[in-house]
Amino acid sequence: MPAIKIKAGLCTGCRTCELICSYRHGAPGFNPALSRIRIKNRGMEKENPVFCRQCPRPKCMESCPSGALTQDPKTGVITLDPELCNACGTCIRMCPFGAMAAHPETGLPLICDLCGGEPACVTYCPNEVLIYAPKGGDPN
């Protein structure tokens, strides 16, 4: 499955990935609250981005009571059908990686869709810390 990999030791915590994600997905300007990347501080000096890992058996999808989340069998990308979603937040709570959050206005889950195979966060990372691995393994 495709994935975004991070060289966590090289990340400076600049948060460019978070900002460009919100911009790429139609936020009015740059708005970290609308990013599909979560920035987690795990008691370290800096914060590192957390991305949806496009799990093979996603707990978010399995826990969704309305069937609003689906996974593309070829790419592994999980998508949300906003028409089916009741904004209950179960999927957000069930993600073992904390990679999802609720949209601050609609309550709908925000989840990384890998920008259709061209993740903007990877393109604009100023330190080349993020790597897109189209097949989930080694990006090279």
C-alpha atoms as a PDB file:
ATOM      1  CA  MET A   1       0.000   0.000   0.000  1.00  0.00           C
ATOM      2  CA  PRO A   2       1.227   3.535  -0.654  1.00  0.00           C
ATOM      3  CA  ALA A   3       2.346   5.597   2.292  1.00  0.00           C
ATOM      4  CA  ILE A   4       4.168   8.707   3.384  1.00  0.00           C
ATOM      5  CA  LYS A   5       7.323   7.939   5.314  1.00  0.00           C
ATOM      6  CA  ILE A   6       9.059  10.356   7.639  1.00  0.00           C
ATOM      7  CA  LYS A   7      12.678  10.642   8.623  1.00  0.00           C
ATOM      8  CA  ALA A   8      11.644  11.693  12.139  1.00  0.00           C
ATOM      9  CA  GLY A   9      15.180  12.345  13.347  1.00  0.00           C
ATOM     10  CA  LEU A  10      15.676  14.926  10.595  1.00  0.00           C
ATOM     11  CA  CYS A  11      12.336  16.703  11.039  1.00  0.00           C
ATOM     12  CA  THR A  12      12.789  20.233  12.352  1.00  0.00           C
ATOM     13  CA  GLY A  13       9.146  20.640  13.362  1.00  0.00           C
ATOM     14  CA  CYS A  14       8.613  23.531  10.943  1.00  0.00           C
ATOM     15  CA  ARG A  15       5.010  22.437  10.273  1.00  0.00           C
ATOM     16  CA  THR A  16       5.172  23.309   6.566  1.00  0.00           C
ATOM     17  CA  CYS A  17       3.542  19.944   5.809  1.00  0.00           C
ATOM     18  CA  GLU A  18       0.582  20.794   8.018  1.00  0.00           C
ATOM     19  CA  LEU A  19       0.105  24.210   6.435  1.00  0.00           C
ATOM     20  CA  ILE A  20       0.448  23.054   2.833  1.00  0.00           C
ATOM     21  CA  CYS A  21      -1.987  20.201   3.509  1.00  0.00           C
ATOM     22  CA  SER A  22      -4.673  22.597   4.688  1.00  0.00           C
ATOM     23  CA  TYR A  23      -4.062  24.863   1.711  1.00  0.00           C
ATOM     24  CA  ARG A  24      -4.086  21.965  -0.765  1.00  0.00           C
ATOM     25  CA  HIS A  25      -7.414  20.694   0.514  1.00  0.00           C
ATOM     26  CA  GLY A  26      -9.251  23.951   0.039  1.00  0.00           C
ATOM     27  CA  ALA A  27      -8.958  25.691   3.369  1.00  0.00           C
ATOM     28  CA  PRO A  28      -9.286  29.439   3.039  1.00  0.00           C
ATOM     29  CA  GLY A  29      -5.574  30.161   3.080  1.00  0.00           C
ATOM     30  CA  PHE A  30      -3.408  28.244   5.513  1.00  0.00           C
ATOM     31  CA  ASN A  31      -5.378  26.782   8.420  1.00  0.00           C
ATOM     32  CA  PRO A  32      -3.736  24.045  10.537  1.00  0.00           C
ATOM     33  CA  ALA A  33      -7.092  23.076  12.040  1.00  0.00           C
ATOM     34  CA  LEU A  34      -8.171  21.861   8.575  1.00  0.00           C
ATOM     35  CA  SER A  35      -5.025  19.880   7.830  1.00  0.00           C
ATOM     36  CA  ARG A  36      -5.223  16.140   7.284  1.00  0.00           C
ATOM     37  CA  ILE A  37      -1.852  15.838   8.974  1.00  0.00           C
ATOM     38  CA  ARG A  38      -1.799  15.700  12.739  1.00  0.00           C
ATOM     39  CA  ILE A  39       1.113  17.211  14.616  1.00  0.00           C
ATOM     40  CA  LYS A  40       1.789  15.222  17.771  1.00  0.00           C
ATOM     41  CA  ASN A  41       4.082  16.162  20.598  1.00  0.00           C
ATOM     42  CA  ARG A  42       5.137  12.953  22.267  1.00  0.00           C
ATOM     43  CA  GLY A  43       7.125  14.560  25.051  1.00  0.00           C
ATOM     44  CA  MET A  44       9.965  15.381  22.691  1.00  0.00           C
ATOM     45  CA  GLU A  45      11.590  18.731  22.077  1.00  0.00           C
ATOM     46  CA  LYS A  46       9.919  19.031  18.688  1.00  0.00           C
ATOM     47  CA  GLU A  47       6.682  17.909  17.173  1.00  0.00           C
ATOM     48  CA  ASN A  48       6.486  15.403  14.339  1.00  0.00           C
ATOM     49  CA  PRO A  49       3.743  14.977  11.737  1.00  0.00           C
ATOM     50  CA  VAL A  50       1.453  11.947  11.893  1.00  0.00           C
ATOM     51  CA  PHE A  51      -0.145  10.635   8.706  1.00  0.00           C
ATOM     52  CA  CYS A  52      -2.795   8.087   7.882  1.00  0.00           C
ATOM     53  CA  ARG A  53      -0.909   4.843   7.286  1.00  0.00           C
ATOM     54  CA  GLN A  54      -3.568   3.406   4.979  1.00  0.00           C
ATOM     55  CA  CYS A  55      -3.682   0.285   7.192  1.00  0.00           C
ATOM     56  CA  PRO A  56      -4.442  -3.074   5.546  1.00  0.00           C
ATOM     57  CA  ARG A  57      -7.302  -3.640   8.041  1.00  0.00           C
ATOM     58  CA  PRO A  58      -8.163  -0.113   9.176  1.00  0.00           C
ATOM     59  CA  LYS A  59      -9.756   0.085  12.611  1.00  0.00           C
ATOM     60  CA  CYS A  60     -11.320   3.404  11.617  1.00  0.00           C
ATOM     61  CA  MET A  61     -13.178   1.780   8.759  1.00  0.00           C
ATOM     62  CA  GLU A  62     -14.156  -1.323  10.739  1.00  0.00           C
ATOM     63  CA  SER A  63     -15.580   0.823  13.545  1.00  0.00           C
ATOM     64  CA  CYS A  64     -17.618   3.173  11.357  1.00  0.00           C
ATOM     65  CA  PRO A  65     -21.291   2.523  12.196  1.00  0.00           C
ATOM     66  CA  SER A  66     -22.576   4.163   9.013  1.00  0.00           C
ATOM     67  CA  GLY A  67     -20.180   2.659   6.454  1.00  0.00           C
ATOM     68  CA  ALA A  68     -18.954   6.111   5.477  1.00  0.00           C
ATOM     69  CA  LEU A  69     -15.311   5.045   5.122  1.00  0.00           C
ATOM     70  CA  THR A  70     -14.138   2.894   2.239  1.00  0.00           C
ATOM     71  CA  GLN A  71     -10.725   1.722   1.134  1.00  0.00           C
ATOM     72  CA  ASP A  72      -9.587   1.491  -2.468  1.00  0.00           C
ATOM     73  CA  PRO A  73      -8.399  -2.121  -2.926  1.00  0.00           C
ATOM     74  CA  LYS A  74      -5.624  -1.064  -5.331  1.00  0.00           C
ATOM     75  CA  THR A  75      -4.195   1.990  -3.609  1.00  0.00           C
ATOM     76  CA  GLY A  76      -5.267   1.392  -0.004  1.00  0.00           C
ATOM     77  CA  VAL A  77      -6.407   5.003   0.275  1.00  0.00           C
ATOM     78  CA  ILE A  78      -9.274   5.441   2.721  1.00  0.00           C
ATOM     79  CA  THR A  79     -11.953   7.915   1.704  1.00  0.00           C
ATOM     80  CA  LEU A  80     -14.946   9.385   3.440  1.00  0.00           C
ATOM     81  CA  ASP A  81     -18.417   9.677   1.991  1.00  0.00           C
ATOM     82  CA  PRO A  82     -19.735  12.800   3.752  1.00  0.00           C
ATOM     83  CA  GLU A  83     -23.314  11.885   2.796  1.00  0.00           C
ATOM     84  CA  LEU A  84     -23.110   8.706   4.892  1.00  0.00           C
ATOM     85  CA  CYS A  85     -21.057  10.079   7.777  1.00  0.00           C
ATOM     86  CA  ASN A  86     -22.936  11.012  10.949  1.00  0.00           C
ATOM     87  CA  ALA A  87     -19.863  12.736  12.490  1.00  0.00           C
ATOM     88  CA  CYS A  88     -19.938  10.434  15.533  1.00  0.00           C
ATOM     89  CA  GLY A  89     -16.139  10.453  15.857  1.00  0.00           C
ATOM     90  CA  THR A  90     -15.793   6.698  16.355  1.00  0.00           C
ATOM     91  CA  CYS A  91     -13.257   6.407  13.546  1.00  0.00           C
ATOM     92  CA  ILE A  92     -11.160   9.193  15.039  1.00  0.00           C
ATOM     93  CA  ARG A  93     -11.085   7.511  18.446  1.00  0.00           C
ATOM     94  CA  MET A  94     -10.277   4.091  16.947  1.00  0.00           C
ATOM     95  CA  CYS A  95      -7.242   5.151  14.903  1.00  0.00           C
ATOM     96  CA  PRO A  96      -4.289   3.645  16.813  1.00  0.00           C
ATOM     97  CA  PHE A  97      -1.952   6.292  15.408  1.00  0.00           C
ATOM     98  CA  GLY A  98      -4.020   9.402  16.133  1.00  0.00           C
ATOM     99  CA  ALA A  99      -3.906  10.318  12.460  1.00  0.00           C
ATOM    100  CA  MET A 100      -7.454  11.656  12.194  1.00  0.00           C
ATOM    101  CA  ALA A 101      -9.253  14.666  13.612  1.00  0.00           C
ATOM    102  CA  ALA A 102     -12.694  16.211  13.313  1.00  0.00           C
ATOM    103  CA  HIS A 103     -13.311  19.178  11.082  1.00  0.00           C
ATOM    104  CA  PRO A 104     -13.871  22.041  13.547  1.00  0.00           C
ATOM    105  CA  GLU A 105     -17.134  23.158  11.892  1.00  0.00           C
ATOM    106  CA  THR A 106     -18.718  20.037  10.372  1.00  0.00           C
ATOM    107  CA  GLY A 107     -17.370  17.396  12.760  1.00  0.00           C
ATOM    108  CA  LEU A 108     -16.569  15.174   9.783  1.00  0.00           C
ATOM    109  CA  PRO A 109     -13.284  13.277  10.046  1.00  0.00           C
ATOM    110  CA  LEU A 110     -10.279  14.648   8.216  1.00  0.00           C
ATOM    111  CA  ILE A 111      -8.181  11.835   6.758  1.00  0.00           C
ATOM    112  CA  CYS A 112      -5.167  11.858   4.439  1.00  0.00           C
ATOM    113  CA  ASP A 113      -5.959  10.839   0.872  1.00  0.00           C
ATOM    114  CA  LEU A 114      -2.345  11.082  -0.355  1.00  0.00           C
ATOM    115  CA  CYS A 115      -3.449  13.925  -2.664  1.00  0.00           C
ATOM    116  CA  GLY A 116      -4.328  11.446  -5.375  1.00  0.00           C
ATOM    117  CA  GLY A 117      -0.811  10.025  -5.468  1.00  0.00           C
ATOM    118  CA  GLU A 118       1.046  13.341  -5.418  1.00  0.00           C
ATOM    119  CA  PRO A 119       1.185  14.381  -1.740  1.00  0.00           C
ATOM    120  CA  ALA A 120       1.695  18.121  -1.483  1.00  0.00           C
ATOM    121  CA  CYS A 121       3.305  17.760   1.949  1.00  0.00           C
ATOM    122  CA  VAL A 122       6.112  15.704   0.412  1.00  0.00           C
ATOM    123  CA  THR A 123       6.573  18.122  -2.484  1.00  0.00           C
ATOM    124  CA  TYR A 124       6.846  21.177  -0.247  1.00  0.00           C
ATOM    125  CA  CYS A 125       8.779  19.743   2.716  1.00  0.00           C
ATOM    126  CA  PRO A 126      11.757  22.132   2.877  1.00  0.00           C
ATOM    127  CA  ASN A 127      14.071  19.570   4.464  1.00  0.00           C
ATOM    128  CA  GLU A 128      13.180  16.501   2.366  1.00  0.00           C
ATOM    129  CA  VAL A 129      12.089  14.715   5.524  1.00  0.00           C
ATOM    130  CA  LEU A 130       8.915  13.318   3.970  1.00  0.00           C
ATOM    131  CA  ILE A 131       9.067  10.598   1.347  1.00  0.00           C
ATOM    132  CA  TYR A 132       6.212   9.229  -0.706  1.00  0.00           C
ATOM    133  CA  ALA A 133       6.427   5.478  -1.113  1.00  0.00           C
ATOM    134  CA  PRO A 134       3.858   4.590  -3.813  1.00  0.00           C
ATOM    135  CA  LYS A 135       3.989   0.918  -2.886  1.00  0.00           C
ATOM    136  CA  GLY A 136       4.323   1.464   0.860  1.00  0.00           C
ATOM    137  CA  GLY A 137       7.810   0.066   1.072  1.00  0.00           C
ATOM    138  CA  ASP A 138      11.128   1.575   0.108  1.00  0.00           C
ATOM    139  CA  PRO A 139      10.518   4.790  -1.847  1.00  0.00           C
ATOM    140  CA  ASN A 140      13.549   4.171  -4.079  1.00  0.00           C
END
